[in-house]
Amino acid sequence: MFVVNNFMMAIAQLIDFLLTAFMWVIIGRAVISWVNADPGNPIVRFLYEATEPLLGRIRRLFPVSMGGIDFSPMILIMAIMFLQSFLVPTLKQMAMGVR
């Protein structure tokens, strides 16, 4: 059973890392939106293509733009923080219980 325990712990850590990395991508996208970045730049295109599917859905569900400020990145970051504080510890506790 230690193999299942280690596998679940590894999955929890991988999910935690991926969520943290995606949160930084969202922060990068928000910072890029404050400056006049070149839309042809590969980094800018990557940030836009990686985040727009989720941010676009949030904008359609919740019209959260007030006074020209788009709050959808903040909503997505809060969702990621919720997943990190709920999903990852739950997986780790499940892994500990598989002994």
PDB file of N, CA and C in Angstrom:
ATOM      1  N   MET A   1       0.799  -1.199   0.000  1.00  0.00           N
ATOM      2  CA  MET A   1       0.000   0.000   0.000  1.00  0.00           C
ATOM      3  C   MET A   1       0.840   1.261   0.000  1.00  0.00           C
ATOM      4  N   PHE A   2       2.123   1.153   0.337  1.00  0.00           N
ATOM      5  CA  PHE A   2       2.963   2.336   0.349  1.00  0.00           C
ATOM      6  C   PHE A   2       3.122   2.921  -1.047  1.00  0.00           C
ATOM      7  N   VAL A   3       2.966   2.069  -2.083  1.00  0.00           N
ATOM      8  CA  VAL A   3       3.068   2.563  -3.457  1.00  0.00           C
ATOM      9  C   VAL A   3       1.895   3.495  -3.755  1.00  0.00           C
ATOM     10  N   VAL A   4       0.701   3.109  -3.353  1.00  0.00           N
ATOM     11  CA  VAL A   4      -0.478   3.954  -3.554  1.00  0.00           C
ATOM     12  C   VAL A   4      -0.338   5.243  -2.750  1.00  0.00           C
ATOM     13  N   ASN A   5       0.171   5.125  -1.527  1.00  0.00           N
ATOM     14  CA  ASN A   5       0.394   6.299  -0.689  1.00  0.00           C
ATOM     15  C   ASN A   5       1.350   7.268  -1.368  1.00  0.00           C
ATOM     16  N   ASN A   6       2.480   6.774  -1.829  1.00  0.00           N
ATOM     17  CA  ASN A   6       3.460   7.635  -2.493  1.00  0.00           C
ATOM     18  C   ASN A   6       2.911   8.227  -3.781  1.00  0.00           C
ATOM     19  N   PHE A   7       2.140   7.436  -4.527  1.00  0.00           N
ATOM     20  CA  PHE A   7       1.563   7.917  -5.776  1.00  0.00           C
ATOM     21  C   PHE A   7       0.578   9.058  -5.514  1.00  0.00           C
ATOM     22  N   MET A   8      -0.277   8.910  -4.517  1.00  0.00           N
ATOM     23  CA  MET A   8      -1.247   9.956  -4.203  1.00  0.00           C
ATOM     24  C   MET A   8      -0.558  11.219  -3.676  1.00  0.00           C
ATOM     25  N   MET A   9       0.500  11.051  -2.895  1.00  0.00           N
ATOM     26  CA  MET A   9       1.261  12.211  -2.422  1.00  0.00           C
ATOM     27  C   MET A   9       1.920  12.936  -3.595  1.00  0.00           C
ATOM     28  N   ALA A  10       2.459  12.163  -4.534  1.00  0.00           N
ATOM     29  CA  ALA A  10       3.092  12.768  -5.710  1.00  0.00           C
ATOM     30  C   ALA A  10       2.062  13.509  -6.558  1.00  0.00           C
ATOM     31  N   ILE A  11       0.878  12.936  -6.726  1.00  0.00           N
ATOM     32  CA  ILE A  11      -0.181  13.594  -7.484  1.00  0.00           C
ATOM     33  C   ILE A  11      -0.591  14.893  -6.792  1.00  0.00           C
ATOM     34  N   ALA A  12      -0.720  14.875  -5.468  1.00  0.00           N
ATOM     35  CA  ALA A  12      -1.094  16.080  -4.718  1.00  0.00           C
ATOM     36  C   ALA A  12      -0.035  17.170  -4.885  1.00  0.00           C
ATOM     37  N   GLN A  13       1.229  16.785  -4.810  1.00  0.00           N
ATOM     38  CA  GLN A  13       2.294  17.774  -4.972  1.00  0.00           C
ATOM     39  C   GLN A  13       2.344  18.313  -6.393  1.00  0.00           C
ATOM     40  N   LEU A  14       2.097  17.456  -7.377  1.00  0.00           N
ATOM     41  CA  LEU A  14       2.079  17.892  -8.773  1.00  0.00           C
ATOM     42  C   LEU A  14       0.928  18.863  -9.026  1.00  0.00           C
ATOM     43  N   ILE A  15      -0.243  18.555  -8.497  1.00  0.00           N
ATOM     44  CA  ILE A  15      -1.385  19.458  -8.647  1.00  0.00           C
ATOM     45  C   ILE A  15      -1.092  20.801  -7.977  1.00  0.00           C
ATOM     46  N   ASP A  16      -0.493  20.759  -6.808  1.00  0.00           N
ATOM     47  CA  ASP A  16      -0.136  21.992  -6.106  1.00  0.00           C
ATOM     48  C   ASP A  16       0.840  22.826  -6.935  1.00  0.00           C
ATOM     49  N   PHE A  17       1.844  22.190  -7.513  1.00  0.00           N
ATOM     50  CA  PHE A  17       2.825  22.898  -8.341  1.00  0.00           C
ATOM     51  C   PHE A  17       2.166  23.494  -9.578  1.00  0.00           C
ATOM     52  N   LEU A  18       1.321  22.718 -10.258  1.00  0.00           N
ATOM     53  CA  LEU A  18       0.669  23.208 -11.472  1.00  0.00           C
ATOM     54  C   LEU A  18      -0.273  24.377 -11.172  1.00  0.00           C
ATOM     55  N   LEU A  19      -0.994  24.299 -10.067  1.00  0.00           N
ATOM     56  CA  LEU A  19      -1.870  25.404  -9.701  1.00  0.00           C
ATOM     57  C   LEU A  19      -1.074  26.668  -9.377  1.00  0.00           C
ATOM     58  N   THR A  20       0.044  26.504  -8.693  1.00  0.00           N
ATOM     59  CA  THR A  20       0.896  27.658  -8.383  1.00  0.00           C
ATOM     60  C   THR A  20       1.478  28.258  -9.656  1.00  0.00           C
ATOM     61  N   ALA A  21       1.948  27.413 -10.566  1.00  0.00           N
ATOM     62  CA  ALA A  21       2.508  27.907 -11.827  1.00  0.00           C
ATOM     63  C   ALA A  21       1.440  28.650 -12.635  1.00  0.00           C
ATOM     64  N   PHE A  22       0.220  28.100 -12.682  1.00  0.00           N
ATOM     65  CA  PHE A  22      -0.845  28.757 -13.429  1.00  0.00           C
ATOM     66  C   PHE A  22      -1.245  30.079 -12.777  1.00  0.00           C
ATOM     67  N   MET A  23      -1.169  30.144 -11.452  1.00  0.00           N
ATOM     68  CA  MET A  23      -1.467  31.394 -10.767  1.00  0.00           C
ATOM     69  C   MET A  23      -0.453  32.464 -11.177  1.00  0.00           C
ATOM     70  N   TRP A  24       0.820  32.104 -11.309  1.00  0.00           N
ATOM     71  CA  TRP A  24       1.825  33.057 -11.739  1.00  0.00           C
ATOM     72  C   TRP A  24       1.623  33.476 -13.187  1.00  0.00           C
ATOM     73  N   VAL A  25       1.129  32.573 -14.014  1.00  0.00           N
ATOM     74  CA  VAL A  25       0.818  32.928 -15.406  1.00  0.00           C
ATOM     75  C   VAL A  25      -0.307  33.961 -15.429  1.00  0.00           C
ATOM     76  N   ILE A  26      -1.308  33.781 -14.585  1.00  0.00           N
ATOM     77  CA  ILE A  26      -2.414  34.739 -14.506  1.00  0.00           C
ATOM     78  C   ILE A  26      -1.912  36.094 -14.025  1.00  0.00           C
ATOM     79  N   ILE A  27      -1.033  36.091 -13.035  1.00  0.00           N
ATOM     80  CA  ILE A  27      -0.463  37.349 -12.537  1.00  0.00           C
ATOM     81  C   ILE A  27       0.346  38.020 -13.644  1.00  0.00           C
ATOM     82  N   GLY A  28       1.108  37.243 -14.391  1.00  0.00           N
ATOM     83  CA  GLY A  28       1.854  37.796 -15.524  1.00  0.00           C
ATOM     84  C   GLY A  28       0.936  38.402 -16.565  1.00  0.00           C
ATOM     85  N   ARG A  29      -0.173  37.737 -16.838  1.00  0.00           N
ATOM     86  CA  ARG A  29      -1.148  38.266 -17.794  1.00  0.00           C
ATOM     87  C   ARG A  29      -1.727  39.582 -17.294  1.00  0.00           C
ATOM     88  N   ALA A  30      -2.014  39.676 -16.003  1.00  0.00           N
ATOM     89  CA  ALA A  30      -2.564  40.912 -15.453  1.00  0.00           C
ATOM     90  C   ALA A  30      -1.545  42.047 -15.549  1.00  0.00           C
ATOM     91  N   VAL A  31      -0.295  41.757 -15.254  1.00  0.00           N
ATOM     92  CA  VAL A  31       0.745  42.785 -15.328  1.00  0.00           C
ATOM     93  C   VAL A  31       0.938  43.235 -16.772  1.00  0.00           C
ATOM     94  N   ILE A  32       0.919  42.306 -17.707  1.00  0.00           N
ATOM     95  CA  ILE A  32       1.075  42.641 -19.126  1.00  0.00           C
ATOM     96  C   ILE A  32      -0.071  43.540 -19.589  1.00  0.00           C
ATOM     97  N   SER A  33      -1.268  43.343 -19.031  1.00  0.00           N
ATOM     98  CA  SER A  33      -2.404  44.157 -19.458  1.00  0.00           C
ATOM     99  C   SER A  33      -2.276  45.611 -18.993  1.00  0.00           C
ATOM    100  N   TRP A  34      -1.429  45.889 -18.019  1.00  0.00           N
ATOM    101  CA  TRP A  34      -1.264  47.251 -17.529  1.00  0.00           C
ATOM    102  C   TRP A  34      -0.356  48.081 -18.427  1.00  0.00           C
ATOM    103  N   VAL A  35       0.497  47.427 -19.192  1.00  0.00           N
ATOM    104  CA  VAL A  35       1.448  48.136 -20.054  1.00  0.00           C
ATOM    105  C   VAL A  35       1.068  47.891 -21.503  1.00  0.00           C
ATOM    106  N   ASN A  36       1.648  48.660 -22.376  1.00  0.00           N
ATOM    107  CA  ASN A  36       1.376  48.526 -23.794  1.00  0.00           C
ATOM    108  C   ASN A  36       2.337  47.491 -24.382  1.00  0.00           C
ATOM    109  N   ALA A  37       2.037  46.211 -24.148  1.00  0.00           N
ATOM    110  CA  ALA A  37       2.916  45.137 -24.605  1.00  0.00           C
ATOM    111  C   ALA A  37       2.650  44.826 -26.073  1.00  0.00           C
ATOM    112  N   ASP A  38       3.679  44.381 -26.755  1.00  0.00           N
ATOM    113  CA  ASP A  38       3.563  44.009 -28.170  1.00  0.00           C
ATOM    114  C   ASP A  38       2.762  42.717 -28.281  1.00  0.00           C
ATOM    115  N   PRO A  39       1.591  42.732 -28.949  1.00  0.00           N
ATOM    116  CA  PRO A  39       0.789  41.511 -29.042  1.00  0.00           C
ATOM    117  C   PRO A  39       1.448  40.419 -29.888  1.00  0.00           C
ATOM    118  N   GLY A  40       2.468  40.761 -30.634  1.00  0.00           N
ATOM    119  CA  GLY A  40       3.168  39.760 -31.433  1.00  0.00           C
ATOM    120  C   GLY A  40       4.272  39.045 -30.673  1.00  0.00           C
ATOM    121  N   ASN A  41       4.588  39.517 -29.487  1.00  0.00           N
ATOM    122  CA  ASN A  41       5.623  38.906 -28.669  1.00  0.00           C
ATOM    123  C   ASN A  41       5.175  37.496 -28.260  1.00  0.00           C
ATOM    124  N   PRO A  42       6.045  36.493 -28.401  1.00  0.00           N
ATOM    125  CA  PRO A  42       5.642  35.126 -28.049  1.00  0.00           C
ATOM    126  C   PRO A  42       5.236  34.958 -26.589  1.00  0.00           C
ATOM    127  N   ILE A  43       5.863  35.683 -25.688  1.00  0.00           N
ATOM    128  CA  ILE A  43       5.507  35.565 -24.269  1.00  0.00           C
ATOM    129  C   ILE A  43       4.109  36.129 -24.038  1.00  0.00           C
ATOM    130  N   VAL A  44       3.826  37.268 -24.648  1.00  0.00           N
ATOM    131  CA  VAL A  44       2.507  37.885 -24.505  1.00  0.00           C
ATOM    132  C   VAL A  44       1.442  36.972 -25.114  1.00  0.00           C
ATOM    133  N   ARG A  45       1.729  36.402 -26.282  1.00  0.00           N
ATOM    134  CA  ARG A  45       0.775  35.480 -26.905  1.00  0.00           C
ATOM    135  C   ARG A  45       0.545  34.260 -26.036  1.00  0.00           C
ATOM    136  N   PHE A  46       1.617  33.701 -25.437  1.00  0.00           N
ATOM    137  CA  PHE A  46       1.469  32.545 -24.555  1.00  0.00           C
ATOM    138  C   PHE A  46       0.602  32.883 -23.351  1.00  0.00           C
ATOM    139  N   LEU A  47       0.874  34.022 -22.711  1.00  0.00           N
ATOM    140  CA  LEU A  47       0.091  34.414 -21.541  1.00  0.00           C
ATOM    141  C   LEU A  47      -1.385  34.584 -21.909  1.00  0.00           C
ATOM    142  N   TYR A  48      -1.637  35.180 -23.061  1.00  0.00           N
ATOM    143  CA  TYR A  48      -3.016  35.386 -23.489  1.00  0.00           C
ATOM    144  C   TYR A  48      -3.699  34.052 -23.805  1.00  0.00           C
ATOM    145  N   GLU A  49      -3.035  33.188 -24.569  1.00  0.00           N
ATOM    146  CA  GLU A  49      -3.637  31.908 -24.972  1.00  0.00           C
ATOM    147  C   GLU A  49      -3.798  30.948 -23.798  1.00  0.00           C
ATOM    148  N   ALA A  50      -2.940  31.053 -22.805  1.00  0.00           N
ATOM    149  CA  ALA A  50      -3.027  30.138 -21.658  1.00  0.00           C
ATOM    150  C   ALA A  50      -4.126  30.543 -20.685  1.00  0.00           C
ATOM    151  N   THR A  51      -4.437  31.830 -20.622  1.00  0.00           N
ATOM    152  CA  THR A  51      -5.385  32.287 -19.616  1.00  0.00           C
ATOM    153  C   THR A  51      -6.752  32.671 -20.163  1.00  0.00           C
ATOM    154  N   GLU A  52      -6.832  33.037 -21.423  1.00  0.00           N
ATOM    155  CA  GLU A  52      -8.090  33.565 -21.956  1.00  0.00           C
ATOM    156  C   GLU A  52      -9.250  32.574 -21.924  1.00  0.00           C
ATOM    157  N   PRO A  53      -9.050  31.265 -22.150  1.00  0.00           N
ATOM    158  CA  PRO A  53     -10.222  30.374 -22.073  1.00  0.00           C
ATOM    159  C   PRO A  53     -10.938  30.434 -20.722  1.00  0.00           C
ATOM    160  N   LEU A  54     -10.204  30.409 -19.633  1.00  0.00           N
ATOM    161  CA  LEU A  54     -10.840  30.471 -18.314  1.00  0.00           C
ATOM    162  C   LEU A  54     -11.309  31.885 -17.967  1.00  0.00           C
ATOM    163  N   LEU A  55     -10.502  32.883 -18.291  1.00  0.00           N
ATOM    164  CA  LEU A  55     -10.903  34.257 -17.978  1.00  0.00           C
ATOM    165  C   LEU A  55     -12.122  34.665 -18.796  1.00  0.00           C
ATOM    166  N   GLY A  56     -12.202  34.213 -20.035  1.00  0.00           N
ATOM    167  CA  GLY A  56     -13.358  34.522 -20.873  1.00  0.00           C
ATOM    168  C   GLY A  56     -14.639  33.913 -20.317  1.00  0.00           C
ATOM    169  N   ARG A  57     -14.542  32.688 -19.821  1.00  0.00           N
ATOM    170  CA  ARG A  57     -15.717  32.057 -19.204  1.00  0.00           C
ATOM    171  C   ARG A  57     -16.166  32.810 -17.957  1.00  0.00           C
ATOM    172  N   ILE A  58     -15.205  33.246 -17.157  1.00  0.00           N
ATOM    173  CA  ILE A  58     -15.550  34.001 -15.948  1.00  0.00           C
ATOM    174  C   ILE A  58     -16.212  35.317 -16.329  1.00  0.00           C
ATOM    175  N   ARG A  59     -15.690  35.990 -17.367  1.00  0.00           N
ATOM    176  CA  ARG A  59     -16.291  37.257 -17.800  1.00  0.00           C
ATOM    177  C   ARG A  59     -17.712  37.061 -18.316  1.00  0.00           C
ATOM    178  N   ARG A  60     -17.980  35.927 -18.972  1.00  0.00           N
ATOM    179  CA  ARG A  60     -19.341  35.660 -19.458  1.00  0.00           C
ATOM    180  C   ARG A  60     -20.289  35.347 -18.305  1.00  0.00           C
ATOM    181  N   LEU A  61     -19.814  34.601 -17.306  1.00  0.00           N
ATOM    182  CA  LEU A  61     -20.668  34.243 -16.179  1.00  0.00           C
ATOM    183  C   LEU A  61     -20.918  35.413 -15.236  1.00  0.00           C
ATOM    184  N   PHE A  62     -19.875  36.166 -14.948  1.00  0.00           N
ATOM    185  CA  PHE A  62     -19.966  37.285 -14.010  1.00  0.00           C
ATOM    186  C   PHE A  62     -19.459  38.544 -14.705  1.00  0.00           C
ATOM    187  N   PRO A  63     -20.335  39.466 -14.995  1.00  0.00           N
ATOM    188  CA  PRO A  63     -19.838  40.734 -15.569  1.00  0.00           C
ATOM    189  C   PRO A  63     -19.164  41.561 -14.474  1.00  0.00           C
ATOM    190  N   VAL A  64     -17.898  41.306 -14.241  1.00  0.00           N
ATOM    191  CA  VAL A  64     -17.195  41.861 -13.089  1.00  0.00           C
ATOM    192  C   VAL A  64     -16.265  43.023 -13.451  1.00  0.00           C
ATOM    193  N   SER A  65     -16.479  43.628 -14.590  1.00  0.00           N
ATOM    194  CA  SER A  65     -15.655  44.766 -14.978  1.00  0.00           C
ATOM    195  C   SER A  65     -16.324  46.046 -14.499  1.00  0.00           C
ATOM    196  N   MET A  66     -15.641  46.747 -13.604  1.00  0.00           N
ATOM    197  CA  MET A  66     -16.191  47.992 -13.074  1.00  0.00           C
ATOM    198  C   MET A  66     -15.211  49.125 -13.332  1.00  0.00           C
ATOM    199  N   GLY A  67     -15.656  50.113 -14.036  1.00  0.00           N
ATOM    200  CA  GLY A  67     -14.807  51.276 -14.278  1.00  0.00           C
ATOM    201  C   GLY A  67     -13.567  50.945 -15.077  1.00  0.00           C
ATOM    202  N   GLY A  68     -13.647  49.989 -15.973  1.00  0.00           N
ATOM    203  CA  GLY A  68     -12.504  49.616 -16.793  1.00  0.00           C
ATOM    204  C   GLY A  68     -11.545  48.650 -16.129  1.00  0.00           C
ATOM    205  N   ILE A  69     -11.839  48.216 -14.919  1.00  0.00           N
ATOM    206  CA  ILE A  69     -10.980  47.260 -14.212  1.00  0.00           C
ATOM    207  C   ILE A  69     -11.617  45.881 -14.326  1.00  0.00           C
ATOM    208  N   ASP A  70     -10.844  44.941 -14.819  1.00  0.00           N
ATOM    209  CA  ASP A  70     -11.319  43.569 -14.999  1.00  0.00           C
ATOM    210  C   ASP A  70     -10.936  42.754 -13.759  1.00  0.00           C
ATOM    211  N   PHE A  71     -11.946  42.261 -13.054  1.00  0.00           N
ATOM    212  CA  PHE A  71     -11.701  41.501 -11.836  1.00  0.00           C
ATOM    213  C   PHE A  71     -11.673  39.990 -12.068  1.00  0.00           C
ATOM    214  N   SER A  72     -11.782  39.541 -13.323  1.00  0.00           N
ATOM    215  CA  SER A  72     -11.794  38.102 -13.581  1.00  0.00           C
ATOM    216  C   SER A  72     -10.478  37.415 -13.197  1.00  0.00           C
ATOM    217  N   PRO A  73      -9.292  38.032 -13.374  1.00  0.00           N
ATOM    218  CA  PRO A  73      -8.079  37.362 -12.879  1.00  0.00           C
ATOM    219  C   PRO A  73      -8.103  37.146 -11.367  1.00  0.00           C
ATOM    220  N   MET A  74      -8.649  38.105 -10.630  1.00  0.00           N
ATOM    221  CA  MET A  74      -8.709  37.951  -9.176  1.00  0.00           C
ATOM    222  C   MET A  74      -9.658  36.815  -8.789  1.00  0.00           C
ATOM    223  N   ILE A  75     -10.772  36.693  -9.502  1.00  0.00           N
ATOM    224  CA  ILE A  75     -11.702  35.602  -9.222  1.00  0.00           C
ATOM    225  C   ILE A  75     -11.046  34.257  -9.515  1.00  0.00           C
ATOM    226  N   LEU A  76     -10.301  34.174 -10.630  1.00  0.00           N
ATOM    227  CA  LEU A  76      -9.625  32.923 -10.977  1.00  0.00           C
ATOM    228  C   LEU A  76      -8.525  32.588  -9.969  1.00  0.00           C
ATOM    229  N   ILE A  77      -7.802  33.580  -9.504  1.00  0.00           N
ATOM    230  CA  ILE A  77      -6.766  33.337  -8.499  1.00  0.00           C
ATOM    231  C   ILE A  77      -7.395  32.856  -7.193  1.00  0.00           C
ATOM    232  N   MET A  78      -8.531  33.426  -6.815  1.00  0.00           N
ATOM    233  CA  MET A  78      -9.209  32.960  -5.600  1.00  0.00           C
ATOM    234  C   MET A  78      -9.684  31.519  -5.764  1.00  0.00           C
ATOM    235  N   ALA A  79     -10.146  31.141  -6.955  1.00  0.00           N
ATOM    236  CA  ALA A  79     -10.547  29.755  -7.201  1.00  0.00           C
ATOM    237  C   ALA A  79      -9.349  28.814  -7.095  1.00  0.00           C
ATOM    238  N   ILE A  80      -8.206  29.245  -7.611  1.00  0.00           N
ATOM    239  CA  ILE A  80      -6.990  28.432  -7.511  1.00  0.00           C
ATOM    240  C   ILE A  80      -6.571  28.289  -6.047  1.00  0.00           C
ATOM    241  N   MET A  81      -6.645  29.376  -5.298  1.00  0.00           N
ATOM    242  CA  MET A  81      -6.284  29.311  -3.875  1.00  0.00           C
ATOM    243  C   MET A  81      -7.231  28.382  -3.122  1.00  0.00           C
ATOM    244  N   PHE A  82      -8.513  28.374  -3.484  1.00  0.00           N
ATOM    245  CA  PHE A  82      -9.456  27.453  -2.863  1.00  0.00           C
ATOM    246  C   PHE A  82      -9.062  26.007  -3.170  1.00  0.00           C
ATOM    247  N   LEU A  83      -8.740  25.733  -4.436  1.00  0.00           N
ATOM    248  CA  LEU A  83      -8.339  24.374  -4.796  1.00  0.00           C
ATOM    249  C   LEU A  83      -7.071  23.962  -4.057  1.00  0.00           C
ATOM    250  N   GLN A  84      -6.136  24.893  -3.909  1.00  0.00           N
ATOM    251  CA  GLN A  84      -4.896  24.572  -3.202  1.00  0.00           C
ATOM    252  C   GLN A  84      -5.143  24.319  -1.719  1.00  0.00           C
ATOM    253  N   SER A  85      -6.100  24.990  -1.141  1.00  0.00           N
ATOM    254  CA  SER A  85      -6.331  24.797   0.281  1.00  0.00           C
ATOM    255  C   SER A  85      -7.343  23.695   0.576  1.00  0.00           C
ATOM    256  N   PHE A  86      -8.043  23.197  -0.438  1.00  0.00           N
ATOM    257  CA  PHE A  86      -9.017  22.128  -0.235  1.00  0.00           C
ATOM    258  C   PHE A  86      -8.578  20.827  -0.904  1.00  0.00           C
ATOM    259  N   LEU A  87      -8.316  20.875  -2.191  1.00  0.00           N
ATOM    260  CA  LEU A  87      -8.033  19.655  -2.954  1.00  0.00           C
ATOM    261  C   LEU A  87      -6.697  19.024  -2.564  1.00  0.00           C
ATOM    262  N   VAL A  88      -5.664  19.814  -2.506  1.00  0.00           N
ATOM    263  CA  VAL A  88      -4.326  19.267  -2.226  1.00  0.00           C
ATOM    264  C   VAL A  88      -4.252  18.649  -0.827  1.00  0.00           C
ATOM    265  N   PRO A  89      -4.704  19.341   0.236  1.00  0.00           N
ATOM    266  CA  PRO A  89      -4.669  18.688   1.551  1.00  0.00           C
ATOM    267  C   PRO A  89      -5.573  17.460   1.635  1.00  0.00           C
ATOM    268  N   THR A  90      -6.696  17.496   0.925  1.00  0.00           N
ATOM    269  CA  THR A  90      -7.587  16.330   0.921  1.00  0.00           C
ATOM    270  C   THR A  90      -6.888  15.127   0.303  1.00  0.00           C
ATOM    271  N   LEU A  91      -6.198  15.342  -0.810  1.00  0.00           N
ATOM    272  CA  LEU A  91      -5.455  14.240  -1.428  1.00  0.00           C
ATOM    273  C   LEU A  91      -4.352  13.728  -0.511  1.00  0.00           C
ATOM    274  N   LYS A  92      -3.675  14.643   0.167  1.00  0.00           N
ATOM    275  CA  LYS A  92      -2.605  14.222   1.076  1.00  0.00           C
ATOM    276  C   LYS A  92      -3.169  13.446   2.263  1.00  0.00           C
ATOM    277  N   GLN A  93      -4.309  13.874   2.791  1.00  0.00           N
ATOM    278  CA  GLN A  93      -4.922  13.148   3.899  1.00  0.00           C
ATOM    279  C   GLN A  93      -5.412  11.775   3.448  1.00  0.00           C
ATOM    280  N   MET A  94      -5.938  11.703   2.225  1.00  0.00           N
ATOM    281  CA  MET A  94      -6.356  10.411   1.691  1.00  0.00           C
ATOM    282  C   MET A  94      -5.145   9.480   1.537  1.00  0.00           C
ATOM    283  N   ALA A  95      -4.024  10.045   1.123  1.00  0.00           N
ATOM    284  CA  ALA A  95      -2.809   9.248   0.970  1.00  0.00           C
ATOM    285  C   ALA A  95      -2.340   8.715   2.327  1.00  0.00           C
ATOM    286  N   MET A  96      -2.442   9.537   3.348  1.00  0.00           N
ATOM    287  CA  MET A  96      -2.044   9.087   4.676  1.00  0.00           C
ATOM    288  C   MET A  96      -2.983   8.019   5.220  1.00  0.00           C
ATOM    289  N   GLY A  97      -4.242   8.064   4.804  1.00  0.00           N
ATOM    290  CA  GLY A  97      -5.212   7.100   5.289  1.00  0.00           C
ATOM    291  C   GLY A  97      -5.173   5.770   4.565  1.00  0.00           C
ATOM    292  N   VAL A  98      -4.366   5.661   3.496  1.00  0.00           N
ATOM    293  CA  VAL A  98      -4.299   4.441   2.690  1.00  0.00           C
ATOM    294  C   VAL A  98      -3.254   3.490   3.261  1.00  0.00           C
ATOM    295  N   ARG A  99      -2.904   3.537   4.439  1.00  0.00           N
ATOM    296  CA  ARG A  99      -1.859   2.664   4.992  1.00  0.00           C
ATOM    297  C   ARG A  99      -2.356   1.309   5.307  1.00  0.00           C
TER     298      ARG A  99
END
